[in-house]
């Protein structure tokens, strides 16, 4: 676990998954409770009468350390980090998030009111400003040539928690069935499973191949919110509580043509808007961990390269004096703003633009910053079958192209699979799948 703080915190989550996880599917008007994950107002006057999620999961990885080809992704899933091809630089960054949506449901009470229940397990990882050449040495062994490195504002943070949320959506206003305004809120009880973090304002040094020594100067700090030796039953009995919230508004413009494009169908059975604009703020809240030990090192000296490769934190403990303090740590959720614009081009064919903007600063302590990105998704949508072709751009993950499908109660997709197959330089990987029991309005 200690080495995970500095080297592998983000990559370990890839083995679980293999910001936004359900890229493409989350735009579908028949996605039921999954619509509440991006904007709780989505469940108000929804096209689904009742929706029961049996199990679904998704994850996203964005980085500038390695190209995410299918070969590299396979090695990451298998834990063969030494076999991956890397794109090392002085300030590599990696972000990896995953979520598992457990038993959850939503219910339309009537034309104005809807409720939902959400259970979810989540892991968020950020790995900012690490020298890629040093990381190569810690993962794959140090090279036969000397090299220098310098890291500023290093931050490696892993946070794991669970959520139980109660959602409520309501039609706030409508005018002659043309202008609709809907609002929603999800109140969440949070269960913090733990945070692990390694940080440094500045950590510089060099590697000497002749002496097999890593020379270090600067500072390094790490904390773990739980005991490595704690047994599993005690661990799950000591989850840290917290509270969170999602809020959102949606405006729909419904023309006569859009409302009656699918003649002879019940007005709630199919989508009736021409255009929709949604705004939401997600993951407002925090979890407080008590009696967490923070260890600070003032580093000035050398360590054996083999020892550093085996366990970097143990190498620091064995060679430098550390100063430990114990206190409470408050970890903010990865708060973000979502803006979504959806337009019906013709019946069953839509164009969607979704903007995700993190509201957490990258250098904020004890937090995970999210992935800022914009996604354009054309889709074909029916009650039974839908297909998505999302194209996403982010500064870290660059451009990725994916594909997704819904067929009856099952869905599967990826926001990046086409890029991962055809490109050697893809920097984003996303995968999701799920099975649910939707009960639609009668036609």
Protein backbone atom coordinates (compact mmCIF):
# COMPACT_ATOMS: atom_id res chain seq x y z
CA UNK A 1 0.00 0.00 0.00
CA UNK A 2 2.84 2.41 0.73
CA UNK A 3 4.36 2.01 -2.70
CA UNK A 4 0.89 2.54 -4.15
CA UNK A 5 0.93 6.05 -2.71
CA UNK A 6 3.82 7.11 -4.87
CA UNK A 7 3.82 4.80 -7.86
CA UNK A 8 0.72 2.72 -8.47
CA UNK A 9 -2.29 4.44 -6.87
CA UNK A 10 -3.96 5.12 -10.19
CA UNK A 11 -3.03 1.91 -11.99
CA UNK A 12 -4.47 -0.33 -9.28
CA UNK A 13 -7.92 1.08 -10.03
CA UNK A 14 -7.60 -0.02 -13.66
CA UNK A 15 -7.66 -3.61 -12.46
CA UNK A 16 -11.08 -2.85 -10.92
CA UNK A 17 -12.48 -1.17 -14.00
CA UNK A 18 -10.02 -3.12 -16.28
CA UNK A 19 -15.41 11.43 -14.23
CA UNK A 20 -18.32 10.39 -16.21
CA UNK A 21 -18.33 6.65 -16.79
CA UNK A 22 -21.40 5.87 -18.93
CA UNK A 23 -20.36 7.99 -21.91
CA UNK A 24 -23.08 7.87 -24.57
CA UNK A 25 -25.66 5.91 -22.59
CA UNK A 26 -26.14 8.80 -20.17
CA UNK A 27 -27.65 10.87 -23.03
CA UNK A 28 -30.45 8.33 -23.67
CA UNK A 29 -33.99 9.43 -22.75
CA UNK A 30 -34.75 5.84 -21.74
CA UNK A 31 -31.80 5.39 -19.35
CA UNK A 32 -33.95 5.60 -16.22
CA UNK A 33 -32.05 5.92 -12.96
CA UNK A 34 -28.78 6.50 -14.84
CA UNK A 35 -30.12 9.88 -15.91
CA UNK A 36 -30.13 10.97 -12.26
CA UNK A 37 -26.37 10.33 -12.05
CA UNK A 38 -25.67 13.28 -14.37
CA UNK A 39 -28.68 15.46 -13.48
CA UNK A 40 -31.32 14.48 -10.88
CA UNK A 41 -33.93 16.52 -12.79
CA UNK A 42 -33.81 13.85 -15.53
CA UNK A 43 -36.16 11.57 -13.59
CA UNK A 44 -38.97 14.18 -13.57
CA UNK A 45 -41.53 13.40 -16.30
CA UNK A 46 -39.20 10.66 -17.53
CA UNK A 47 -39.89 8.32 -20.43
CA UNK A 48 -39.56 5.38 -18.04
CA UNK A 49 -42.40 4.63 -15.60
CA UNK A 50 -40.13 2.60 -13.32
CA UNK A 51 -36.52 1.48 -13.65
CA UNK A 52 -34.63 -1.02 -11.49
CA UNK A 53 -30.86 -1.22 -11.89
CA UNK A 54 -29.63 -4.72 -11.13
CA UNK A 55 -25.93 -3.99 -11.62
CA UNK A 56 -23.86 -1.66 -13.77
CA UNK A 57 -20.27 -0.46 -13.71
CA UNK A 58 -17.99 1.87 -15.59
CA UNK A 59 -14.61 3.51 -15.43
CA UNK A 60 -12.46 6.05 -17.23
CA UNK A 61 -8.69 6.45 -17.46
CA UNK A 62 -6.98 9.52 -18.95
CA UNK A 63 -3.23 10.09 -18.97
CA UNK A 64 -0.15 11.36 -20.77
CA UNK A 65 2.18 8.61 -19.45
CA UNK A 66 1.31 5.77 -21.81
CA UNK A 67 -0.61 5.28 -25.05
CA UNK A 68 -3.76 3.31 -24.32
CA UNK A 69 -3.67 0.76 -27.11
CA UNK A 70 -5.44 -2.56 -26.59
CA UNK A 71 -2.05 -4.15 -25.87
CA UNK A 72 -1.15 -1.61 -23.19
CA UNK A 73 -4.63 -1.80 -21.65
CA UNK A 74 -4.35 -5.60 -21.44
CA UNK A 75 -0.99 -5.29 -19.65
CA UNK A 76 -2.45 -2.73 -17.24
CA UNK A 77 -5.43 -4.95 -16.41
CA UNK A 78 -3.10 -7.92 -15.83
CA UNK A 79 -0.81 -5.79 -13.68
CA UNK A 80 2.15 -6.14 -16.10
CA UNK A 81 3.26 -2.55 -15.66
CA UNK A 82 6.81 -3.36 -16.72
CA UNK A 83 5.58 -4.30 -20.22
CA UNK A 84 3.79 -1.08 -21.12
CA UNK A 85 5.17 1.45 -23.58
CA UNK A 86 5.58 4.82 -21.89
CA UNK A 87 5.60 8.50 -22.93
CA UNK A 88 7.68 9.83 -20.06
CA UNK A 89 8.10 13.54 -19.40
CA UNK A 90 8.91 15.77 -16.45
CA UNK A 91 5.25 16.29 -15.44
CA UNK A 92 3.23 13.21 -16.28
CA UNK A 93 -0.36 13.01 -15.04
CA UNK A 94 -2.90 10.20 -14.78
CA UNK A 95 -6.57 10.25 -13.75
CA UNK A 96 -8.55 7.05 -13.17
CA UNK A 97 -12.12 6.83 -11.83
CA UNK A 98 -14.51 3.91 -11.44
CA UNK A 99 -18.01 3.38 -10.11
CA UNK A 100 -20.26 0.41 -9.46
CA UNK A 101 -23.98 1.16 -9.33
CA UNK A 102 -25.64 -1.35 -7.07
CA UNK A 103 -29.36 -2.06 -6.57
CA UNK A 104 -31.09 1.22 -7.44
CA UNK A 105 -34.44 2.34 -8.79
CA UNK A 106 -36.55 5.28 -9.95
CA UNK A 107 -40.32 5.68 -10.05
CA UNK A 108 -42.57 8.21 -11.78
CA UNK A 109 -45.29 8.94 -9.22
CA UNK A 110 -47.26 11.04 -11.71
CA UNK A 111 -46.71 13.62 -14.44
CA UNK A 112 -44.94 16.01 -12.08
CA UNK A 113 -43.21 14.00 -9.35
CA UNK A 114 -40.57 11.25 -9.45
CA UNK A 115 -38.40 9.59 -6.81
CA UNK A 116 -35.34 7.37 -6.85
CA UNK A 117 -32.88 5.45 -4.69
CA UNK A 118 -29.20 5.07 -5.62
CA UNK A 119 -26.50 2.84 -4.13
CA UNK A 120 -23.00 3.21 -5.45
CA UNK A 121 -19.34 2.34 -4.75
CA UNK A 122 -16.68 4.68 -6.15
CA UNK A 123 -12.93 5.07 -6.45
CA UNK A 124 -11.18 8.24 -7.62
CA UNK A 125 -7.48 8.52 -8.41
CA UNK A 126 -5.38 11.49 -9.46
CA UNK A 127 -1.66 11.31 -10.12
CA UNK A 128 -0.33 14.78 -10.97
CA UNK A 129 3.13 16.14 -11.84
CA UNK A 130 5.35 13.08 -11.55
CA UNK A 131 8.64 12.76 -13.41
CA UNK A 132 8.01 9.95 -15.88
CA UNK A 133 11.65 8.82 -16.04
CA UNK A 134 11.74 8.34 -12.27
CA UNK A 135 8.41 6.51 -12.46
CA UNK A 136 9.87 4.21 -15.16
CA UNK A 137 12.70 3.31 -12.80
CA UNK A 138 10.41 2.62 -9.84
CA UNK A 139 8.15 0.41 -11.97
CA UNK A 140 10.50 -1.29 -14.43
CA UNK A 141 13.92 -1.00 -12.83
CA UNK A 142 16.44 1.79 -13.22
CA UNK A 143 18.33 2.08 -16.53
CA UNK A 144 22.04 1.61 -17.19
CA UNK A 145 22.51 5.35 -17.89
CA UNK A 146 22.53 8.24 -15.43
CA UNK A 147 19.65 10.71 -15.40
CA UNK A 148 18.40 13.72 -13.41
CA UNK A 149 14.83 14.46 -12.35
CA UNK A 150 12.82 17.19 -10.64
CA UNK A 151 9.19 17.08 -9.51
CA UNK A 152 7.17 20.09 -8.39
CA UNK A 153 3.71 19.93 -6.80
CA UNK A 154 3.58 16.14 -6.88
CA UNK A 155 0.16 14.80 -5.82
CA UNK A 156 -0.88 11.13 -5.82
CA UNK A 157 -4.31 10.64 -4.24
CA UNK A 158 -6.62 7.62 -4.02
CA UNK A 159 -10.06 7.92 -2.40
CA UNK A 160 -12.59 5.10 -2.03
CA UNK A 161 -16.13 5.57 -0.73
CA UNK A 162 -19.74 4.40 -0.98
CA UNK A 163 -22.98 6.31 -1.39
CA UNK A 164 -26.67 5.82 -0.64
CA UNK A 165 -28.72 8.56 -2.28
CA UNK A 166 -32.39 9.55 -2.34
CA UNK A 167 -33.46 11.45 -5.48
CA UNK A 168 -36.47 13.64 -6.11
CA UNK A 169 -37.43 15.24 -9.42
CA UNK A 170 -40.31 17.61 -10.16
CA UNK A 171 -41.79 19.52 -13.08
CA UNK A 172 -41.50 23.09 -11.81
CA UNK A 173 -43.24 24.91 -14.66
CA UNK A 174 -44.86 24.24 -18.02
CA UNK A 175 -46.63 26.53 -20.46
CA UNK A 176 -49.15 25.08 -22.92
CA UNK A 177 -47.06 21.91 -23.23
CA UNK A 178 -44.29 23.92 -24.92
CA UNK A 179 -41.89 25.21 -22.25
CA UNK A 180 -40.97 22.77 -19.50
CA UNK A 181 -38.72 23.47 -16.51
CA UNK A 182 -37.74 20.55 -14.31
CA UNK A 183 -35.66 20.41 -11.14
CA UNK A 184 -34.12 17.65 -9.11
CA UNK A 185 -31.95 16.89 -6.10
CA UNK A 186 -30.16 13.82 -4.77
CA UNK A 187 -29.25 13.77 -1.09
CA UNK A 188 -26.46 11.32 -0.33
CA UNK A 189 -25.17 9.58 2.77
CA UNK A 190 -21.46 8.91 2.24
CA UNK A 191 -19.37 6.07 3.66
CA UNK A 192 -15.66 6.78 3.43
CA UNK A 193 -13.57 3.64 2.98
CA UNK A 194 -10.24 5.43 2.95
CA UNK A 195 -7.82 7.93 1.48
CA UNK A 196 -4.15 7.43 0.63
CA UNK A 197 -1.98 10.28 -0.53
CA UNK A 198 1.62 11.13 -1.35
CA UNK A 199 2.63 14.76 -1.99
CA UNK A 200 5.73 16.88 -2.49
CA UNK A 201 6.33 20.57 -3.09
CA UNK A 202 9.69 19.74 -4.63
CA UNK A 203 11.58 16.47 -4.97
CA UNK A 204 14.67 16.54 -7.14
CA UNK A 205 17.66 14.30 -7.60
CA UNK A 206 19.62 12.03 -9.87
CA UNK A 207 20.35 8.37 -10.53
CA UNK A 208 23.91 7.08 -10.68
CA UNK A 209 24.21 3.84 -12.63
CA UNK A 210 27.78 3.17 -11.44
CA UNK A 211 26.84 3.25 -7.74
CA UNK A 212 23.20 2.17 -8.22
CA UNK A 213 22.15 5.05 -5.96
CA UNK A 214 19.24 7.49 -6.20
CA UNK A 215 20.25 10.89 -4.81
CA UNK A 216 17.32 12.85 -3.39
CA UNK A 217 16.76 16.36 -2.10
CA UNK A 218 13.52 18.11 -1.17
CA UNK A 219 10.40 17.06 0.73
CA UNK A 220 7.88 14.25 0.64
CA UNK A 221 4.72 13.58 2.71
CA UNK A 222 2.28 10.71 2.84
CA UNK A 223 -0.83 9.71 4.76
CA UNK A 224 -3.09 6.66 4.97
CA UNK A 225 -6.45 6.91 6.73
CA UNK A 226 -6.52 3.28 7.88
CA UNK A 227 -4.27 0.60 9.36
CA UNK A 228 -2.61 -1.71 6.82
CA UNK A 229 -2.88 -4.58 9.32
CA UNK A 230 -6.59 -4.09 10.04
CA UNK A 231 -8.73 -7.14 9.25
CA UNK A 232 -11.57 -6.88 6.74
CA UNK A 233 -14.48 -7.09 9.21
CA UNK A 234 -13.10 -4.29 11.40
CA UNK A 235 -12.34 -2.21 8.33
CA UNK A 236 -15.95 -2.20 7.12
CA UNK A 237 -17.24 -1.47 10.63
CA UNK A 238 -15.24 1.75 10.77
CA UNK A 239 -16.33 3.60 7.64
CA UNK A 240 -16.23 7.38 7.96
CA UNK A 241 -19.59 9.13 7.49
CA UNK A 242 -20.30 12.17 5.36
CA UNK A 243 -23.05 13.90 3.42
CA UNK A 244 -23.30 14.96 -0.20
CA UNK A 245 -25.71 16.34 -2.75
CA UNK A 246 -26.39 16.64 -6.50
CA UNK A 247 -28.68 19.39 -7.82
CA UNK A 248 -29.89 20.15 -11.34
CA UNK A 249 -32.30 22.00 -13.63
CA UNK A 250 -33.52 21.07 -17.11
CA UNK A 251 -35.37 23.19 -19.66
CA UNK A 252 -37.21 21.51 -22.53
CA UNK A 253 -38.64 23.22 -25.60
CA UNK A 254 -41.49 21.19 -27.09
CA UNK A 255 -42.93 22.23 -30.43
CA UNK A 256 -46.14 20.92 -31.95
CA UNK A 257 -44.09 19.01 -34.51
CA UNK A 258 -41.88 17.37 -31.87
CA UNK A 259 -44.85 16.51 -29.66
CA UNK A 260 -46.80 14.83 -32.44
CA UNK A 261 -43.95 13.45 -34.56
CA UNK A 262 -44.74 9.97 -33.29
CA UNK A 263 -48.48 9.92 -33.83
CA UNK A 264 -50.81 7.54 -32.00
CA UNK A 265 -48.36 7.04 -29.13
CA UNK A 266 -49.02 8.01 -25.51
CA UNK A 267 -47.51 11.46 -24.86
CA UNK A 268 -45.28 10.10 -22.08
CA UNK A 269 -44.17 6.97 -23.92
CA UNK A 270 -41.77 8.76 -26.30
CA UNK A 271 -39.67 11.89 -26.18
CA UNK A 272 -41.56 15.08 -27.08
CA UNK A 273 -38.97 17.85 -26.92
CA UNK A 274 -37.17 19.50 -29.81
CA UNK A 275 -34.34 20.80 -27.62
CA UNK A 276 -33.21 20.27 -24.03
CA UNK A 277 -30.69 22.16 -21.89
CA UNK A 278 -29.59 20.76 -18.53
CA UNK A 279 -27.32 22.25 -15.86
CA UNK A 280 -26.23 20.36 -12.76
CA UNK A 281 -23.67 20.53 -9.97
CA UNK A 282 -22.62 17.06 -8.83
CA UNK A 283 -20.77 15.68 -5.83
CA UNK A 284 -21.20 18.57 -3.44
CA UNK A 285 -19.98 17.38 -0.04
CA UNK A 286 -17.10 15.88 1.91
CA UNK A 287 -16.05 13.03 4.19
CA UNK A 288 -14.14 13.59 7.42
CA UNK A 289 -11.52 11.02 8.45
CA UNK A 290 -10.46 11.17 12.10
CA UNK A 291 -7.05 10.47 13.64
CA UNK A 292 -5.13 10.21 10.37
CA UNK A 293 -1.33 10.07 10.58
CA UNK A 294 0.60 12.38 8.25
CA UNK A 295 4.34 11.73 7.89
CA UNK A 296 6.67 14.43 6.51
CA UNK A 297 10.21 13.83 5.29
CA UNK A 298 12.93 16.39 4.77
CA UNK A 299 14.98 14.48 2.20
CA UNK A 300 18.68 15.09 1.59
CA UNK A 301 20.77 12.03 0.82
CA UNK A 302 20.91 8.78 -1.16
CA UNK A 303 19.02 5.49 -1.23
CA UNK A 304 19.82 2.23 -2.97
CA UNK A 305 17.98 2.04 -6.32
CA UNK A 306 16.89 -1.56 -5.71
CA UNK A 307 15.48 -0.57 -2.34
CA UNK A 308 13.57 2.37 -3.91
CA UNK A 309 12.19 0.12 -6.62
CA UNK A 310 11.04 -2.44 -4.06
CA UNK A 311 9.15 0.10 -1.89
CA UNK A 312 9.76 3.83 -2.17
CA UNK A 313 8.11 4.70 1.16
CA UNK A 314 10.07 2.05 3.05
CA UNK A 315 13.24 3.40 1.43
CA UNK A 316 12.45 6.85 2.82
CA UNK A 317 11.65 5.44 6.28
CA UNK A 318 14.90 3.45 6.36
CA UNK A 319 17.17 6.29 5.28
CA UNK A 320 15.61 9.57 6.50
CA UNK A 321 14.04 10.88 9.67
CA UNK A 322 10.30 11.49 9.40
CA UNK A 323 8.07 13.79 11.42
CA UNK A 324 4.58 12.37 12.05
CA UNK A 325 1.48 14.22 13.23
CA UNK A 326 -2.05 12.92 13.79
CA UNK A 327 -5.22 14.87 13.06
CA UNK A 328 -8.50 14.96 11.16
CA UNK A 329 -8.60 15.14 7.37
CA UNK A 330 -11.62 16.40 5.42
CA UNK A 331 -11.76 15.05 1.87
CA UNK A 332 -13.99 16.89 -0.60
CA UNK A 333 -15.87 14.95 -3.25
CA UNK A 334 -14.82 15.59 -6.88
CA UNK A 335 -17.35 18.41 -7.33
CA UNK A 336 -18.09 19.29 -10.95
CA UNK A 337 -20.40 21.30 -13.19
CA UNK A 338 -22.27 19.56 -16.00
CA UNK A 339 -23.92 21.37 -18.92
CA UNK A 340 -25.84 19.23 -21.40
CA UNK A 341 -27.53 20.28 -24.66
CA UNK A 342 -29.64 17.77 -26.57
CA UNK A 343 -31.37 18.37 -29.92
CA UNK A 344 -33.78 16.15 -31.83
CA UNK A 345 -32.78 16.38 -35.51
CA UNK A 346 -35.52 14.06 -36.76
CA UNK A 347 -37.56 11.45 -34.88
CA UNK A 348 -35.18 8.94 -33.25
CA UNK A 349 -32.00 10.85 -34.26
CA UNK A 350 -30.31 13.24 -31.81
CA UNK A 351 -27.20 15.35 -31.38
CA UNK A 352 -25.86 15.92 -27.86
CA UNK A 353 -23.14 18.18 -26.45
CA UNK A 354 -22.01 17.59 -22.87
CA UNK A 355 -19.52 19.73 -20.93
CA UNK A 356 -17.89 18.50 -17.72
CA UNK A 357 -15.93 21.07 -15.70
CA UNK A 358 -14.25 20.21 -12.41
CA UNK A 359 -14.74 22.68 -9.57
CA UNK A 360 -11.80 21.30 -7.53
CA UNK A 361 -8.40 22.90 -8.01
CA UNK A 362 -5.63 20.50 -9.00
CA UNK A 363 -3.41 21.53 -6.08
CA UNK A 364 -6.18 21.47 -3.43
CA UNK A 365 -5.11 19.25 -0.49
CA UNK A 366 -6.84 15.91 0.18
CA UNK A 367 -9.00 16.07 -2.94
CA UNK A 368 -9.37 14.49 -6.37
CA UNK A 369 -9.66 16.90 -9.28
CA UNK A 370 -11.78 15.66 -12.17
CA UNK A 371 -11.32 15.48 -15.92
CA UNK A 372 -12.40 18.59 -17.80
CA UNK A 373 -13.83 17.48 -21.13
CA UNK A 374 -16.41 18.12 -23.83
CA UNK A 375 -18.28 15.30 -25.58
CA UNK A 376 -20.31 15.38 -28.78
CA UNK A 377 -22.61 12.36 -29.19
CA UNK A 378 -24.83 11.65 -32.17
CA UNK A 379 -27.26 8.87 -31.36
CA UNK A 380 -30.12 6.78 -32.69
CA UNK A 381 -32.70 6.21 -29.95
CA UNK A 382 -35.80 4.05 -29.58
CA UNK A 383 -37.57 2.48 -26.62
CA UNK A 384 -35.87 -0.87 -27.22
CA UNK A 385 -32.65 -0.16 -29.10
CA UNK A 386 -30.20 2.76 -29.11
CA UNK A 387 -26.75 3.37 -30.56
CA UNK A 388 -24.22 6.06 -29.62
CA UNK A 389 -21.04 7.43 -31.21
CA UNK A 390 -19.41 9.74 -28.61
CA UNK A 391 -16.42 11.93 -29.51
CA UNK A 392 -14.66 13.40 -26.46
CA UNK A 393 -11.88 15.95 -26.07
CA UNK A 394 -9.96 16.75 -22.89
CA UNK A 395 -6.63 18.46 -22.32
CA UNK A 396 -5.23 15.36 -20.58
CA UNK A 397 -6.87 12.57 -22.59
CA UNK A 398 -6.94 14.37 -25.97
CA UNK A 399 -9.53 13.19 -28.52
CA UNK A 400 -11.22 9.81 -28.19
CA UNK A 401 -13.98 8.15 -30.20
CA UNK A 402 -16.20 5.44 -28.79
CA UNK A 403 -19.38 3.46 -29.40
CA UNK A 404 -22.21 2.18 -27.26
CA UNK A 405 -25.46 0.22 -27.53
CA UNK A 406 -28.63 -0.39 -25.56
CA UNK A 407 -30.80 -3.39 -26.30
CA UNK A 408 -33.77 -3.98 -24.02
CA UNK A 409 -32.57 -4.33 -20.41
CA UNK A 410 -28.84 -4.51 -21.23
CA UNK A 411 -26.35 -1.89 -22.33
CA UNK A 412 -22.63 -1.84 -23.08
CA UNK A 413 -20.30 0.78 -24.45
CA UNK A 414 -17.10 2.75 -24.38
CA UNK A 415 -16.20 6.37 -24.84
CA UNK A 416 -12.88 5.41 -26.44
CA UNK A 417 -12.92 1.93 -27.97
CA UNK A 418 -12.54 3.06 -31.59
CA UNK A 419 -9.51 5.20 -30.69
CA UNK A 420 -8.00 2.38 -28.62
CA UNK A 421 -8.25 0.01 -31.59
CA UNK A 422 -7.10 2.25 -34.46
CA UNK A 423 -4.65 4.63 -32.75
CA UNK A 424 -1.24 4.13 -31.15
CA UNK A 425 -1.50 7.44 -29.29
CA UNK A 426 -4.93 7.22 -27.60
CA UNK A 427 -4.67 8.67 -24.09
CA UNK A 428 -8.15 7.82 -22.77
CA UNK A 429 -9.83 4.49 -22.03
CA UNK A 430 -13.44 4.04 -20.97
CA UNK A 431 -15.68 1.00 -20.56
CA UNK A 432 -19.15 0.45 -19.10
CA UNK A 433 -21.89 -2.17 -19.02
CA UNK A 434 -25.09 -2.86 -17.13
CA UNK A 435 -28.31 -4.78 -16.75
CA UNK A 436 -31.60 -3.37 -15.51
CA UNK A 437 -35.36 -3.92 -15.48
CA UNK A 438 -37.11 -0.96 -17.15
CA UNK A 439 -40.89 -0.61 -17.11
CA UNK A 440 -41.92 1.88 -19.77
CA UNK A 441 -45.06 3.96 -20.10
CA UNK A 442 -47.77 2.26 -22.13
CA UNK A 443 -47.96 3.37 -25.77
